[in-house]
Amino acid sequence: MSELLLVLLAGIAAGVLNSVGGGGTFVALPALVAVGLSPVTANATSTIALVPGAVASGWVYRRDITPVGATSLTALTTVSVVGGGLGAALLLTLPAASFDAAVPWLLAFATVVLAFGRRLSRTISGALGRQLDMSPRAVLIGQFLLALYGGYFGGAVGIMMFALWGIGLGLDAAVSNPMRITQIAAINLSATALLLVASDALSAPTTLAAMFAGALAGGFTGAHFARRLSARLLRGIILTTAVTMTVLYFVRG
């Protein structure tokens, strides 16, 4: 298999995964490293290349977006844009090794919360005698930290959003999927604006273009596919993706 075909197929798979449940970075990044890019360059290239897939998925889902608690879409997106840009700046200035060690544990935590978040939310609400409901300020702080992580590394940031919104607001993963995709697009667009100027991702334009095209096709197709799935099946796919990516990352580590 030629290197460009490998990158194209990885882009398609990453676009589909991101539109359905997240985890596309764990397909895109290894493929880019396999064809000779350094880890930091591959990370920047992956972030840039997956933008069209996220935007395409967001466009398909645009009429299905539901609010995250009482937080406005404008405020949430603004925080995602700012955090994504700052995260990309950290990628260009800090060593990745120290943060990389924490990623498997972050994924494990997010996966557990994703699996049991709604049940835990109901348990806490029962103990408190009222519905657990994060304030808009708490949601925005959590979203800023996730956007910072997303701009810096990005792996499974969507899964972590599911986890945050599930335990803090009791949101169902299938219902919040359109908002998740919209916020990932905002994070990646912001990070891309900086990475295009300050990173060396453009040093391999053909590789970038191949993954770009694959992610666009995968994101658009995957979103149409996901919209036709039942909420229960979509939740199952999202959770399966989360578990798989967590296990693979621990094995890789």
Protein backbone atom coordinates (compact mmCIF):
# COMPACT_ATOMS: atom_id res chain seq x y z
CA MET A 1 0.00 0.00 0.00
CA SER A 2 1.41 3.40 -0.96
CA GLU A 3 2.01 5.98 1.74
CA LEU A 4 -0.55 8.42 0.30
CA LEU A 5 -3.23 5.71 0.13
CA LEU A 6 -2.52 4.78 3.75
CA VAL A 7 -2.90 8.43 4.79
CA LEU A 8 -6.08 8.84 2.72
CA LEU A 9 -7.70 5.75 4.27
CA ALA A 10 -6.62 6.85 7.75
CA GLY A 11 -8.22 10.25 7.09
CA ILE A 12 -11.49 8.63 6.04
CA ALA A 13 -11.51 6.38 9.11
CA ALA A 14 -10.66 9.30 11.40
CA GLY A 15 -13.42 11.46 9.90
CA VAL A 16 -15.99 8.69 10.36
CA LEU A 17 -14.89 7.98 13.93
CA ASN A 18 -14.99 11.64 14.93
CA SER A 19 -18.47 12.09 13.51
CA VAL A 20 -19.86 9.05 15.33
CA GLY A 21 -18.12 8.95 18.69
CA GLY A 22 -14.63 10.39 18.63
CA GLY A 23 -11.16 8.87 18.61
CA GLY A 24 -10.15 9.84 15.08
CA THR A 25 -6.80 11.21 16.27
CA PHE A 26 -5.76 7.70 17.34
CA VAL A 27 -6.08 6.59 13.71
CA ALA A 28 -4.69 9.69 12.03
CA LEU A 29 -1.66 10.25 14.24
CA PRO A 30 -0.08 6.76 13.95
CA ALA A 31 -0.59 6.80 10.18
CA LEU A 32 1.23 10.12 9.85
CA VAL A 33 4.10 8.93 12.06
CA ALA A 34 4.28 5.71 10.01
CA VAL A 35 4.92 7.67 6.80
CA GLY A 36 7.83 9.54 8.35
CA LEU A 37 6.50 12.64 10.13
CA SER A 38 7.86 13.48 13.58
CA PRO A 39 5.33 13.11 16.44
CA VAL A 40 4.92 16.89 16.91
CA THR A 41 4.59 17.52 13.17
CA ALA A 42 2.17 14.58 12.88
CA ASN A 43 0.10 15.99 15.74
CA ALA A 44 -0.09 19.41 14.07
CA THR A 45 -0.85 17.86 10.67
CA SER A 46 -3.57 15.66 12.18
CA THR A 47 -5.24 18.65 13.85
CA ILE A 48 -5.22 20.64 10.60
CA ALA A 49 -6.32 17.76 8.40
CA LEU A 50 -9.26 16.72 10.61
CA VAL A 51 -10.82 20.20 10.53
CA PRO A 52 -12.80 19.66 7.29
CA GLY A 53 -14.28 16.43 8.61
CA ALA A 54 -15.44 18.16 11.79
CA VAL A 55 -16.89 21.09 9.85
CA ALA A 56 -18.66 18.75 7.41
CA SER A 57 -20.13 16.73 10.28
CA GLY A 58 -21.19 19.93 12.04
CA TRP A 59 -23.00 21.06 8.90
CA VAL A 60 -24.91 17.77 8.68
CA TYR A 61 -25.86 18.05 12.37
CA ARG A 62 -26.63 21.79 12.38
CA ARG A 63 -30.39 21.33 12.99
CA ASP A 64 -29.87 18.76 15.76
CA ILE A 65 -27.77 20.88 18.12
CA THR A 66 -29.16 21.04 21.66
CA PRO A 67 -27.92 23.35 24.47
CA VAL A 68 -25.46 22.22 27.13
CA GLY A 69 -27.51 23.06 30.20
CA ALA A 70 -28.10 26.79 30.53
CA THR A 71 -24.87 27.68 28.72
CA SER A 72 -25.33 29.59 25.48
CA LEU A 73 -23.90 28.24 22.23
CA THR A 74 -22.03 31.51 21.69
CA ALA A 75 -20.30 31.40 25.09
CA LEU A 76 -19.41 27.71 24.76
CA THR A 77 -17.99 28.17 21.26
CA THR A 78 -16.01 31.26 22.28
CA VAL A 79 -14.38 29.33 25.12
CA SER A 80 -13.61 26.46 22.73
CA VAL A 81 -11.97 28.82 20.25
CA VAL A 82 -9.82 30.52 22.90
CA GLY A 83 -8.82 27.25 24.57
CA GLY A 84 -8.03 25.57 21.25
CA GLY A 85 -5.72 28.38 20.21
CA LEU A 86 -3.89 28.40 23.54
CA GLY A 87 -3.55 24.61 23.42
CA ALA A 88 -1.93 24.82 19.98
CA ALA A 89 0.50 27.41 21.36
CA LEU A 90 1.44 24.96 24.13
CA LEU A 91 2.03 22.24 21.52
CA LEU A 92 4.59 24.46 19.83
CA THR A 93 6.40 25.45 23.03
CA LEU A 94 6.22 22.50 25.48
CA PRO A 95 7.58 18.93 25.25
CA ALA A 96 4.87 16.37 24.58
CA ALA A 97 6.42 13.53 26.60
CA SER A 98 5.27 14.70 30.03
CA PHE A 99 1.66 15.19 28.97
CA ASP A 100 1.65 11.99 26.92
CA ALA A 101 2.13 9.96 30.10
CA ALA A 102 -1.14 11.31 31.54
CA VAL A 103 -3.28 10.73 28.43
CA PRO A 104 -4.13 7.03 29.04
CA TRP A 105 -5.34 7.84 32.55
CA LEU A 106 -7.40 10.77 31.30
CA LEU A 107 -8.97 8.47 28.72
CA ALA A 108 -9.67 5.78 31.32
CA PHE A 109 -11.35 8.33 33.57
CA ALA A 110 -13.39 9.72 30.69
CA THR A 111 -14.47 6.24 29.60
CA VAL A 112 -15.63 5.25 33.09
CA VAL A 113 -17.54 8.51 33.47
CA LEU A 114 -19.02 8.07 30.00
CA ALA A 115 -20.21 4.57 30.91
CA PHE A 116 -21.62 5.42 34.32
CA GLY A 117 -21.98 9.21 34.24
CA ARG A 118 -25.77 9.35 33.89
CA ARG A 119 -26.26 6.74 36.63
CA LEU A 120 -23.78 8.56 38.87
CA SER A 121 -25.53 11.84 38.13
CA ARG A 122 -28.88 10.34 39.21
CA THR A 123 -27.28 8.85 42.35
CA ILE A 124 -25.77 12.19 43.36
CA SER A 125 -29.04 13.96 42.61
CA GLY A 126 -30.90 11.49 44.80
CA ALA A 127 -28.45 11.99 47.64
CA LEU A 128 -28.69 15.77 47.34
CA GLY A 129 -32.46 15.72 46.98
CA ARG A 130 -32.25 17.82 43.81
CA GLN A 131 -31.15 17.53 40.21
CA LEU A 132 -27.37 17.79 39.72
CA ASP A 133 -26.90 20.76 37.44
CA MET A 134 -23.56 22.39 36.67
CA SER A 135 -23.74 26.17 36.51
CA PRO A 136 -22.91 27.86 33.18
CA ARG A 137 -19.68 29.12 34.73
CA ALA A 138 -18.63 25.58 35.73
CA VAL A 139 -19.50 24.29 32.25
CA LEU A 140 -17.41 27.02 30.63
CA ILE A 141 -14.43 26.36 32.92
CA GLY A 142 -14.59 22.65 32.14
CA GLN A 143 -14.95 23.38 28.43
CA PHE A 144 -11.94 25.72 28.48
CA LEU A 145 -9.75 23.00 30.02
CA LEU A 146 -10.97 20.48 27.45
CA ALA A 147 -10.37 22.94 24.61
CA LEU A 148 -6.85 23.57 25.93
CA TYR A 149 -6.24 19.82 25.87
CA GLY A 150 -7.87 19.57 22.44
CA GLY A 151 -5.61 22.20 20.91
CA TYR A 152 -2.53 20.62 22.50
CA PHE A 153 -3.18 16.96 21.72
CA GLY A 154 -6.82 16.40 20.81
CA GLY A 155 -7.02 12.64 21.29
CA ALA A 156 -10.51 11.69 22.54
CA VAL A 157 -11.38 15.26 23.54
CA GLY A 158 -14.90 14.53 22.30
CA ILE A 159 -15.15 11.51 24.60
CA MET A 160 -14.11 13.74 27.48
CA MET A 161 -16.83 16.23 26.54
CA PHE A 162 -19.38 13.43 26.71
CA ALA A 163 -18.05 12.55 30.16
CA LEU A 164 -18.16 16.13 31.48
CA TRP A 165 -21.65 16.84 30.18
CA GLY A 166 -22.93 13.42 31.22
CA ILE A 167 -21.92 13.59 34.87
CA GLY A 168 -22.40 17.34 35.33
CA LEU A 169 -25.71 17.75 33.52
CA GLY A 170 -26.99 14.22 32.95
CA LEU A 171 -26.88 14.72 29.17
CA ASP A 172 -27.26 11.66 26.98
CA ALA A 173 -24.28 11.05 24.67
CA ALA A 174 -26.48 10.51 21.62
CA VAL A 175 -28.35 13.78 22.22
CA SER A 176 -25.20 15.82 22.85
CA ASN A 177 -23.25 14.38 19.88
CA PRO A 178 -24.13 17.28 17.51
CA MET A 179 -22.91 19.85 20.05
CA ARG A 180 -19.75 17.82 20.64
CA ILE A 181 -18.93 17.87 16.94
CA THR A 182 -19.59 21.61 16.73
CA GLN A 183 -17.22 22.32 19.62
CA ILE A 184 -14.50 20.06 18.21
CA ALA A 185 -14.74 22.00 14.95
CA ALA A 186 -14.33 25.27 16.89
CA ILE A 187 -11.30 23.94 18.80
CA ASN A 188 -9.60 22.57 15.70
CA LEU A 189 -10.28 25.66 13.59
CA SER A 190 -8.69 27.86 16.24
CA ALA A 191 -5.69 25.56 16.65
CA THR A 192 -5.29 25.28 12.89
CA ALA A 193 -5.06 29.05 12.46
CA LEU A 194 -1.92 29.04 14.61
CA LEU A 195 -0.45 25.72 13.46
CA LEU A 196 -0.60 26.70 9.78
CA VAL A 197 1.59 29.70 10.53
CA ALA A 198 3.89 28.47 13.28
CA SER A 199 4.32 24.70 12.77
CA ASP A 200 6.02 22.78 9.96
CA ALA A 201 2.86 20.89 8.99
CA LEU A 202 3.05 22.42 5.50
CA SER A 203 6.44 20.76 4.95
CA ALA A 204 4.56 17.69 3.66
CA PRO A 205 1.74 19.26 1.60
CA THR A 206 0.83 16.09 -0.32
CA THR A 207 0.45 14.09 2.90
CA LEU A 208 -1.62 16.86 4.44
CA ALA A 209 -3.84 17.08 1.36
CA ALA A 210 -4.46 13.32 1.32
CA MET A 211 -5.56 13.23 4.95
CA PHE A 212 -7.53 16.45 4.47
CA ALA A 213 -9.53 14.89 1.61
CA GLY A 214 -10.07 11.64 3.49
CA ALA A 215 -11.26 13.39 6.65
CA LEU A 216 -13.70 15.54 4.67
CA ALA A 217 -15.25 12.49 2.99
CA GLY A 218 -15.31 10.47 6.20
CA GLY A 219 -16.76 13.27 8.32
CA PHE A 220 -19.60 14.01 5.89
CA THR A 221 -20.46 10.34 5.30
CA GLY A 222 -20.11 9.37 8.95
CA ALA A 223 -22.42 12.12 10.17
CA HIS A 224 -25.17 11.07 7.75
CA PHE A 225 -24.71 7.48 8.93
CA ALA A 226 -24.78 8.42 12.62
CA ARG A 227 -28.01 10.41 12.25
CA ARG A 228 -29.76 7.24 11.10
CA LEU A 229 -28.72 5.21 14.11
CA SER A 230 -30.96 4.73 17.13
CA ALA A 231 -29.90 6.56 20.28
CA ARG A 232 -29.16 3.24 22.03
CA LEU A 233 -26.96 1.96 19.19
CA LEU A 234 -25.14 5.28 18.91
CA ARG A 235 -24.43 5.23 22.65
CA GLY A 236 -23.06 1.71 22.26
CA ILE A 237 -20.75 2.75 19.41
CA ILE A 238 -19.53 5.78 21.35
CA LEU A 239 -18.78 3.71 24.45
CA THR A 240 -17.12 0.93 22.42
CA THR A 241 -14.91 3.51 20.74
CA ALA A 242 -13.97 5.00 24.10
CA VAL A 243 -13.07 1.62 25.61
CA THR A 244 -11.09 0.57 22.53
CA MET A 245 -9.10 3.80 22.36
CA THR A 246 -8.32 3.66 26.09
CA VAL A 247 -7.04 0.08 25.87
CA LEU A 248 -4.99 0.79 22.75
CA TYR A 249 -3.42 3.83 24.32
CA PHE A 250 -2.42 1.91 27.46
CA VAL A 251 -0.92 -0.83 25.25
CA ARG A 252 0.90 1.77 23.19
CA GLY A 253 2.20 3.39 26.38
